[in-house]
Amino acid sequence: MAPVTYKLPPLPYSYDALEPSISKQIMELHHDKHHQTYITNLNKALEVSAAATASGDLHHAAAQISAIRFNGGGHINHSLFWEGLSPASSP
């Protein structure tokens, strides 16, 4: 059975929507680089764990739990962070 593959969710607003409080460059860096890195590493750990489980190597599969927890948590936290922010409403 193939593991679930996670993808970077789109921001619910443009990268520059939070300026001047948070710059477009910082938003791009944190969304496109940092958040994407958590997702990439989560998917990699899930794939390694699934392959190890399929081959009966439960020790190697269990060794991925820390990476899954860390990167899964980073993905969830960033997703919640993006949803918790919103641009100032127009007058």
C-alpha atoms as a PDB file:
ATOM      1  CA  MET A   1       0.000   0.000   0.000  1.00  0.00           C
ATOM      2  CA  ALA A   2       1.407   3.387  -1.016  1.00  0.00           C
ATOM      3  CA  PRO A   3       1.678   6.051   1.679  1.00  0.00           C
ATOM      4  CA  VAL A   4      -0.369   9.233   1.546  1.00  0.00           C
ATOM      5  CA  THR A   5       1.436  12.024  -0.304  1.00  0.00           C
ATOM      6  CA  TYR A   6       1.104  15.513   1.105  1.00  0.00           C
ATOM      7  CA  LYS A   7       1.225  18.673  -1.014  1.00  0.00           C
ATOM      8  CA  LEU A   8       1.880  22.306  -0.208  1.00  0.00           C
ATOM      9  CA  PRO A   9      -1.496  23.987   0.239  1.00  0.00           C
ATOM     10  CA  PRO A  10      -1.948  27.306  -1.528  1.00  0.00           C
ATOM     11  CA  LEU A  11      -2.084  30.401   0.625  1.00  0.00           C
ATOM     12  CA  PRO A  12      -5.610  31.759   1.073  1.00  0.00           C
ATOM     13  CA  TYR A  13      -4.290  35.215   0.083  1.00  0.00           C
ATOM     14  CA  SER A  14      -1.459  36.673  -2.001  1.00  0.00           C
ATOM     15  CA  TYR A  15       2.126  36.750  -0.725  1.00  0.00           C
ATOM     16  CA  ASP A  16       2.019  40.528  -0.370  1.00  0.00           C
ATOM     17  CA  ALA A  17      -1.389  40.670   1.362  1.00  0.00           C
ATOM     18  CA  LEU A  18       0.132  40.999   4.844  1.00  0.00           C
ATOM     19  CA  GLU A  19       2.498  43.860   4.047  1.00  0.00           C
ATOM     20  CA  PRO A  20       3.818  45.905   5.758  1.00  0.00           C
ATOM     21  CA  SER A  21       3.553  43.583   8.788  1.00  0.00           C
ATOM     22  CA  ILE A  22       5.038  40.585   6.956  1.00  0.00           C
ATOM     23  CA  SER A  23       6.870  41.182   3.689  1.00  0.00           C
ATOM     24  CA  LYS A  24       6.183  39.351   0.453  1.00  0.00           C
ATOM     25  CA  GLN A  25       9.739  37.972   0.527  1.00  0.00           C
ATOM     26  CA  ILE A  26       9.297  36.503   4.024  1.00  0.00           C
ATOM     27  CA  MET A  27       5.961  34.948   3.063  1.00  0.00           C
ATOM     28  CA  GLU A  28       7.470  33.379  -0.070  1.00  0.00           C
ATOM     29  CA  LEU A  29      10.446  32.070   1.897  1.00  0.00           C
ATOM     30  CA  HIS A  30       8.356  30.537   4.669  1.00  0.00           C
ATOM     31  CA  HIS A  31       5.642  29.129   2.422  1.00  0.00           C
ATOM     32  CA  ASP A  32       7.604  27.997  -0.631  1.00  0.00           C
ATOM     33  CA  LYS A  33      10.823  26.940   1.119  1.00  0.00           C
ATOM     34  CA  HIS A  34      10.297  26.175   4.820  1.00  0.00           C
ATOM     35  CA  HIS A  35       6.801  24.717   4.629  1.00  0.00           C
ATOM     36  CA  GLN A  36       7.652  22.825   1.432  1.00  0.00           C
ATOM     37  CA  THR A  37      10.718  21.317   3.139  1.00  0.00           C
ATOM     38  CA  TYR A  38       8.534  19.915   5.932  1.00  0.00           C
ATOM     39  CA  ILE A  39       6.251  18.344   3.319  1.00  0.00           C
ATOM     40  CA  THR A  40       9.129  16.937   1.254  1.00  0.00           C
ATOM     41  CA  ASN A  41      10.737  15.371   4.321  1.00  0.00           C
ATOM     42  CA  LEU A  42       7.402  14.051   5.610  1.00  0.00           C
ATOM     43  CA  ASN A  43       6.663  12.361   2.279  1.00  0.00           C
ATOM     44  CA  LYS A  44      10.172  10.885   2.187  1.00  0.00           C
ATOM     45  CA  ALA A  45       9.868   9.477   5.731  1.00  0.00           C
ATOM     46  CA  LEU A  46       6.426   8.021   4.966  1.00  0.00           C
ATOM     47  CA  GLU A  47       7.775   6.378   1.812  1.00  0.00           C
ATOM     48  CA  VAL A  48      10.770   4.878   3.640  1.00  0.00           C
ATOM     49  CA  SER A  49       8.520   3.652   6.452  1.00  0.00           C
ATOM     50  CA  ALA A  50       6.051   2.052   4.021  1.00  0.00           C
ATOM     51  CA  ALA A  51       8.821   0.334   2.048  1.00  0.00           C
ATOM     52  CA  ALA A  52      10.459  -0.950   5.223  1.00  0.00           C
ATOM     53  CA  THR A  53       7.134  -2.228   6.552  1.00  0.00           C
ATOM     54  CA  ALA A  54       6.374  -3.962   3.240  1.00  0.00           C
ATOM     55  CA  SER A  55       9.745  -5.721   3.335  1.00  0.00           C
ATOM     56  CA  GLY A  56       9.249  -6.776   6.951  1.00  0.00           C
ATOM     57  CA  ASP A  57      11.949  -4.469   8.326  1.00  0.00           C
ATOM     58  CA  LEU A  58       9.924  -3.128  11.228  1.00  0.00           C
ATOM     59  CA  HIS A  59      12.999  -1.723  12.975  1.00  0.00           C
ATOM     60  CA  HIS A  60      13.742   0.548   9.989  1.00  0.00           C
ATOM     61  CA  ALA A  61      10.056   1.456   9.667  1.00  0.00           C
ATOM     62  CA  ALA A  62       9.869   2.429  13.343  1.00  0.00           C
ATOM     63  CA  ALA A  63      13.035   4.518  12.982  1.00  0.00           C
ATOM     64  CA  GLN A  64      11.028   6.909  10.762  1.00  0.00           C
ATOM     65  CA  ILE A  65       8.545   7.820  13.510  1.00  0.00           C
ATOM     66  CA  SER A  66      10.574  10.824  14.730  1.00  0.00           C
ATOM     67  CA  ALA A  67      10.903  12.244  11.209  1.00  0.00           C
ATOM     68  CA  ILE A  68       7.199  11.677  10.554  1.00  0.00           C
ATOM     69  CA  ARG A  69       6.225  13.366  13.822  1.00  0.00           C
ATOM     70  CA  PHE A  70       8.623  16.312  13.371  1.00  0.00           C
ATOM     71  CA  ASN A  71       7.878  17.020   9.712  1.00  0.00           C
ATOM     72  CA  GLY A  72       4.177  16.211   9.998  1.00  0.00           C
ATOM     73  CA  GLY A  73       3.967  18.620  12.922  1.00  0.00           C
ATOM     74  CA  GLY A  74       5.809  21.297  10.946  1.00  0.00           C
ATOM     75  CA  HIS A  75       3.384  20.856   8.057  1.00  0.00           C
ATOM     76  CA  ILE A  76       0.310  21.016  10.306  1.00  0.00           C
ATOM     77  CA  ASN A  77       1.621  24.001  12.281  1.00  0.00           C
ATOM     78  CA  HIS A  78       2.429  25.972   9.137  1.00  0.00           C
ATOM     79  CA  SER A  79      -0.963  25.142   7.614  1.00  0.00           C
ATOM     80  CA  LEU A  80      -2.712  26.390  10.751  1.00  0.00           C
ATOM     81  CA  PHE A  81      -0.482  29.473  10.799  1.00  0.00           C
ATOM     82  CA  TRP A  82      -1.428  30.444   7.221  1.00  0.00           C
ATOM     83  CA  GLU A  83      -5.122  29.961   7.979  1.00  0.00           C
ATOM     84  CA  GLY A  84      -4.873  31.992  11.191  1.00  0.00           C
ATOM     85  CA  LEU A  85      -3.513  35.063   9.423  1.00  0.00           C
ATOM     86  CA  SER A  86      -5.618  37.339   7.308  1.00  0.00           C
ATOM     87  CA  PRO A  87      -5.065  40.608   5.506  1.00  0.00           C
ATOM     88  CA  ALA A  88      -6.561  43.763   6.946  1.00  0.00           C
ATOM     89  CA  SER A  89     -10.058  44.267   5.636  1.00  0.00           C
ATOM     90  CA  SER A  90     -10.705  47.118   3.250  1.00  0.00           C
ATOM     91  CA  PRO A  91     -12.375  50.236   4.664  1.00  0.00           C
END
